[in-house]
Amino acid sequence: MSKTGDEGRGWGHTYADTLDKLERRDLREQAVLLTGLAVELADESFDAEPKSPDEVATALEEQDLAEGMKVIGDWPYDG
């Protein structure tokens, strides 16, 4: 069992997370989504503008995606 201080299990994987617990349909769906993303990113017409760490932090917080990183101590932004 993984622990993150007083916060419980935290977010992440443990040694108990093994392939036998993976649903094949979930793996297949994720593979399709990631393949589509890879194709989109590889397209010459796709242009990604670099973002500053503050812009990334703000976007993560606005989408409620920062909390997990903060709980486990992976939040690198001071801003």
N, C-alpha and C. Protein backbone atom coordinates (compact mmCIF):
# COMPACT_ATOMS: atom_id res chain seq x y z
N MET A 1 0.84 -1.18 0.00
CA MET A 1 0.00 0.00 0.00
C MET A 1 0.88 1.24 0.00
N SER A 2 0.53 2.18 -0.81
CA SER A 2 1.27 3.44 -0.91
C SER A 2 0.63 4.47 0.00
N LYS A 3 1.43 5.29 0.63
CA LYS A 3 0.92 6.35 1.50
C LYS A 3 1.57 7.66 1.13
N THR A 4 0.81 8.73 1.25
CA THR A 4 1.32 10.07 1.01
C THR A 4 1.09 10.88 2.27
N GLY A 5 2.00 10.78 3.21
CA GLY A 5 1.85 11.51 4.47
C GLY A 5 0.55 11.16 5.14
N ASP A 6 -0.17 12.19 5.58
CA ASP A 6 -1.46 12.01 6.22
C ASP A 6 -2.62 12.03 5.24
N GLU A 7 -2.31 12.05 3.96
CA GLU A 7 -3.33 12.19 2.94
C GLU A 7 -3.89 10.86 2.44
N GLY A 8 -3.49 9.73 3.00
CA GLY A 8 -4.00 8.44 2.53
C GLY A 8 -3.14 7.86 1.42
N ARG A 9 -3.74 7.08 0.56
CA ARG A 9 -3.00 6.39 -0.49
C ARG A 9 -2.35 7.35 -1.47
N GLY A 10 -2.94 8.48 -1.70
CA GLY A 10 -2.40 9.40 -2.69
C GLY A 10 -2.80 8.97 -4.08
N TRP A 11 -2.19 9.57 -5.07
CA TRP A 11 -2.51 9.28 -6.45
C TRP A 11 -1.30 8.64 -7.08
N GLY A 12 -1.49 7.52 -7.68
CA GLY A 12 -0.37 6.84 -8.31
C GLY A 12 -0.59 5.35 -8.26
N HIS A 13 0.44 4.62 -8.55
CA HIS A 13 0.35 3.17 -8.61
C HIS A 13 1.17 2.53 -7.51
N THR A 14 0.81 1.31 -7.18
CA THR A 14 1.55 0.52 -6.21
C THR A 14 2.01 -0.76 -6.90
N TYR A 15 2.79 -1.55 -6.18
CA TYR A 15 3.24 -2.83 -6.73
C TYR A 15 2.07 -3.80 -6.93
N ALA A 16 0.93 -3.50 -6.30
CA ALA A 16 -0.25 -4.36 -6.46
C ALA A 16 -0.97 -4.10 -7.78
N ASP A 17 -0.63 -3.00 -8.46
CA ASP A 17 -1.23 -2.70 -9.76
C ASP A 17 -0.52 -3.50 -10.84
N THR A 18 -1.10 -4.61 -11.22
CA THR A 18 -0.47 -5.51 -12.18
C THR A 18 -1.33 -5.65 -13.43
N LEU A 19 -0.73 -6.14 -14.50
CA LEU A 19 -1.44 -6.26 -15.77
C LEU A 19 -2.68 -7.14 -15.71
N ASP A 20 -2.70 -8.11 -14.81
CA ASP A 20 -3.87 -8.98 -14.73
C ASP A 20 -5.12 -8.23 -14.27
N LYS A 21 -4.95 -7.04 -13.72
CA LYS A 21 -6.09 -6.24 -13.27
C LYS A 21 -6.56 -5.26 -14.34
N LEU A 22 -5.86 -5.21 -15.45
CA LEU A 22 -6.17 -4.29 -16.53
C LEU A 22 -7.28 -4.85 -17.41
N GLU A 23 -8.27 -4.03 -17.66
CA GLU A 23 -9.35 -4.42 -18.57
C GLU A 23 -8.86 -4.23 -20.00
N ARG A 24 -8.95 -5.28 -20.81
CA ARG A 24 -8.47 -5.20 -22.20
C ARG A 24 -9.15 -4.10 -22.98
N ARG A 25 -10.43 -3.92 -22.75
CA ARG A 25 -11.17 -2.87 -23.47
C ARG A 25 -10.60 -1.50 -23.13
N ASP A 26 -10.30 -1.26 -21.85
CA ASP A 26 -9.73 0.02 -21.45
C ASP A 26 -8.38 0.26 -22.12
N LEU A 27 -7.54 -0.77 -22.16
CA LEU A 27 -6.24 -0.66 -22.80
C LEU A 27 -6.40 -0.35 -24.29
N ARG A 28 -7.32 -1.03 -24.93
CA ARG A 28 -7.58 -0.83 -26.36
C ARG A 28 -8.06 0.61 -26.62
N GLU A 29 -8.98 1.10 -25.80
CA GLU A 29 -9.50 2.46 -25.97
C GLU A 29 -8.40 3.50 -25.77
N GLN A 30 -7.56 3.29 -24.76
CA GLN A 30 -6.46 4.23 -24.52
C GLN A 30 -5.45 4.20 -25.65
N ALA A 31 -5.20 3.02 -26.20
CA ALA A 31 -4.27 2.91 -27.33
C ALA A 31 -4.79 3.68 -28.54
N VAL A 32 -6.09 3.59 -28.78
CA VAL A 32 -6.70 4.31 -29.91
C VAL A 32 -6.57 5.81 -29.69
N LEU A 33 -6.88 6.28 -28.49
CA LEU A 33 -6.79 7.71 -28.19
C LEU A 33 -5.36 8.22 -28.31
N LEU A 34 -4.41 7.48 -27.76
CA LEU A 34 -3.01 7.91 -27.81
C LEU A 34 -2.45 7.87 -29.23
N THR A 35 -2.90 6.91 -30.01
CA THR A 35 -2.47 6.85 -31.41
C THR A 35 -2.99 8.08 -32.17
N GLY A 36 -4.23 8.43 -31.94
CA GLY A 36 -4.79 9.63 -32.57
C GLY A 36 -4.03 10.88 -32.17
N LEU A 37 -3.66 10.98 -30.91
CA LEU A 37 -2.88 12.12 -30.45
C LEU A 37 -1.51 12.15 -31.10
N ALA A 38 -0.85 11.00 -31.20
CA ALA A 38 0.47 10.93 -31.82
C ALA A 38 0.40 11.35 -33.29
N VAL A 39 -0.64 10.93 -33.99
CA VAL A 39 -0.81 11.31 -35.40
C VAL A 39 -1.02 12.82 -35.51
N GLU A 40 -1.85 13.37 -34.64
CA GLU A 40 -2.10 14.82 -34.65
C GLU A 40 -0.82 15.60 -34.37
N LEU A 41 -0.06 15.18 -33.38
CA LEU A 41 1.17 15.89 -33.03
C LEU A 41 2.24 15.77 -34.11
N ALA A 42 2.23 14.67 -34.85
CA ALA A 42 3.22 14.45 -35.89
C ALA A 42 2.90 15.21 -37.18
N ASP A 43 1.68 15.68 -37.31
CA ASP A 43 1.28 16.41 -38.51
C ASP A 43 2.06 17.72 -38.61
N GLU A 44 2.60 17.99 -39.79
CA GLU A 44 3.41 19.19 -39.99
C GLU A 44 2.63 20.47 -39.75
N SER A 45 1.32 20.44 -39.91
CA SER A 45 0.52 21.66 -39.73
C SER A 45 0.24 21.96 -38.25
N PHE A 46 0.54 21.01 -37.37
CA PHE A 46 0.31 21.23 -35.94
C PHE A 46 1.43 22.08 -35.37
N ASP A 47 1.05 23.18 -34.73
CA ASP A 47 2.05 24.08 -34.15
C ASP A 47 1.71 24.29 -32.68
N ALA A 48 2.58 23.86 -31.82
CA ALA A 48 2.38 24.03 -30.37
C ALA A 48 3.30 25.14 -29.87
N GLU A 49 2.68 26.14 -29.28
CA GLU A 49 3.47 27.24 -28.72
C GLU A 49 3.96 26.85 -27.33
N PRO A 50 5.23 27.15 -27.05
CA PRO A 50 5.75 26.87 -25.70
C PRO A 50 5.01 27.72 -24.66
N LYS A 51 4.81 27.17 -23.50
CA LYS A 51 4.16 27.87 -22.38
C LYS A 51 5.14 28.02 -21.24
N SER A 52 5.03 29.12 -20.54
CA SER A 52 5.88 29.34 -19.37
C SER A 52 5.39 28.46 -18.23
N PRO A 53 6.24 28.19 -17.25
CA PRO A 53 5.79 27.40 -16.09
C PRO A 53 4.58 28.02 -15.40
N ASP A 54 4.51 29.34 -15.33
CA ASP A 54 3.36 29.99 -14.71
C ASP A 54 2.08 29.75 -15.51
N GLU A 55 2.18 29.77 -16.85
CA GLU A 55 1.02 29.50 -17.69
C GLU A 55 0.54 28.06 -17.51
N VAL A 56 1.48 27.14 -17.42
CA VAL A 56 1.13 25.74 -17.22
C VAL A 56 0.45 25.56 -15.86
N ALA A 57 1.03 26.16 -14.82
CA ALA A 57 0.46 26.05 -13.48
C ALA A 57 -0.95 26.62 -13.43
N THR A 58 -1.14 27.78 -14.04
CA THR A 58 -2.46 28.41 -14.06
C THR A 58 -3.48 27.53 -14.77
N ALA A 59 -3.09 26.98 -15.92
CA ALA A 59 -4.00 26.11 -16.67
C ALA A 59 -4.35 24.86 -15.87
N LEU A 60 -3.38 24.26 -15.21
CA LEU A 60 -3.65 23.06 -14.40
C LEU A 60 -4.59 23.38 -13.25
N GLU A 61 -4.38 24.52 -12.60
CA GLU A 61 -5.25 24.90 -11.49
C GLU A 61 -6.66 25.21 -11.97
N GLU A 62 -6.79 25.89 -13.11
CA GLU A 62 -8.11 26.22 -13.66
C GLU A 62 -8.90 24.97 -14.02
N GLN A 63 -8.20 23.90 -14.39
CA GLN A 63 -8.86 22.65 -14.78
C GLN A 63 -8.96 21.67 -13.61
N ASP A 64 -8.63 22.13 -12.41
CA ASP A 64 -8.64 21.29 -11.20
C ASP A 64 -7.77 20.06 -11.35
N LEU A 65 -6.60 20.23 -11.99
CA LEU A 65 -5.67 19.12 -12.19
C LEU A 65 -4.40 19.26 -11.36
N ALA A 66 -4.31 20.29 -10.54
CA ALA A 66 -3.10 20.54 -9.77
C ALA A 66 -3.09 19.85 -8.41
N GLU A 67 -4.25 19.59 -7.85
CA GLU A 67 -4.34 19.07 -6.49
C GLU A 67 -3.55 17.78 -6.29
N GLY A 68 -3.69 16.84 -7.21
CA GLY A 68 -2.98 15.57 -7.07
C GLY A 68 -1.48 15.75 -7.01
N MET A 69 -0.95 16.65 -7.86
CA MET A 69 0.49 16.91 -7.86
C MET A 69 0.91 17.56 -6.54
N LYS A 70 0.07 18.42 -6.00
CA LYS A 70 0.39 19.08 -4.74
C LYS A 70 0.39 18.08 -3.58
N VAL A 71 -0.59 17.17 -3.59
CA VAL A 71 -0.71 16.18 -2.51
C VAL A 71 0.52 15.29 -2.43
N ILE A 72 1.03 14.87 -3.59
CA ILE A 72 2.17 13.94 -3.56
C ILE A 72 3.51 14.66 -3.64
N GLY A 73 3.50 16.00 -3.62
CA GLY A 73 4.75 16.75 -3.58
C GLY A 73 5.41 16.93 -4.94
N ASP A 74 4.67 16.75 -6.03
CA ASP A 74 5.24 16.92 -7.38
C ASP A 74 4.93 18.29 -7.97
N TRP A 75 4.38 19.20 -7.21
CA TRP A 75 4.01 20.51 -7.72
C TRP A 75 5.26 21.41 -7.72
N PRO A 76 5.82 21.67 -8.91
CA PRO A 76 7.09 22.41 -8.96
C PRO A 76 6.95 23.92 -9.05
N TYR A 77 5.73 24.43 -9.08
CA TYR A 77 5.53 25.85 -9.35
C TYR A 77 5.36 26.64 -8.05
N ASP A 78 6.01 27.79 -8.02
CA ASP A 78 5.93 28.65 -6.84
C ASP A 78 4.91 29.76 -7.00
N GLY A 79 4.59 30.10 -8.25
CA GLY A 79 3.76 31.27 -8.57
C GLY A 79 2.42 31.31 -8.02
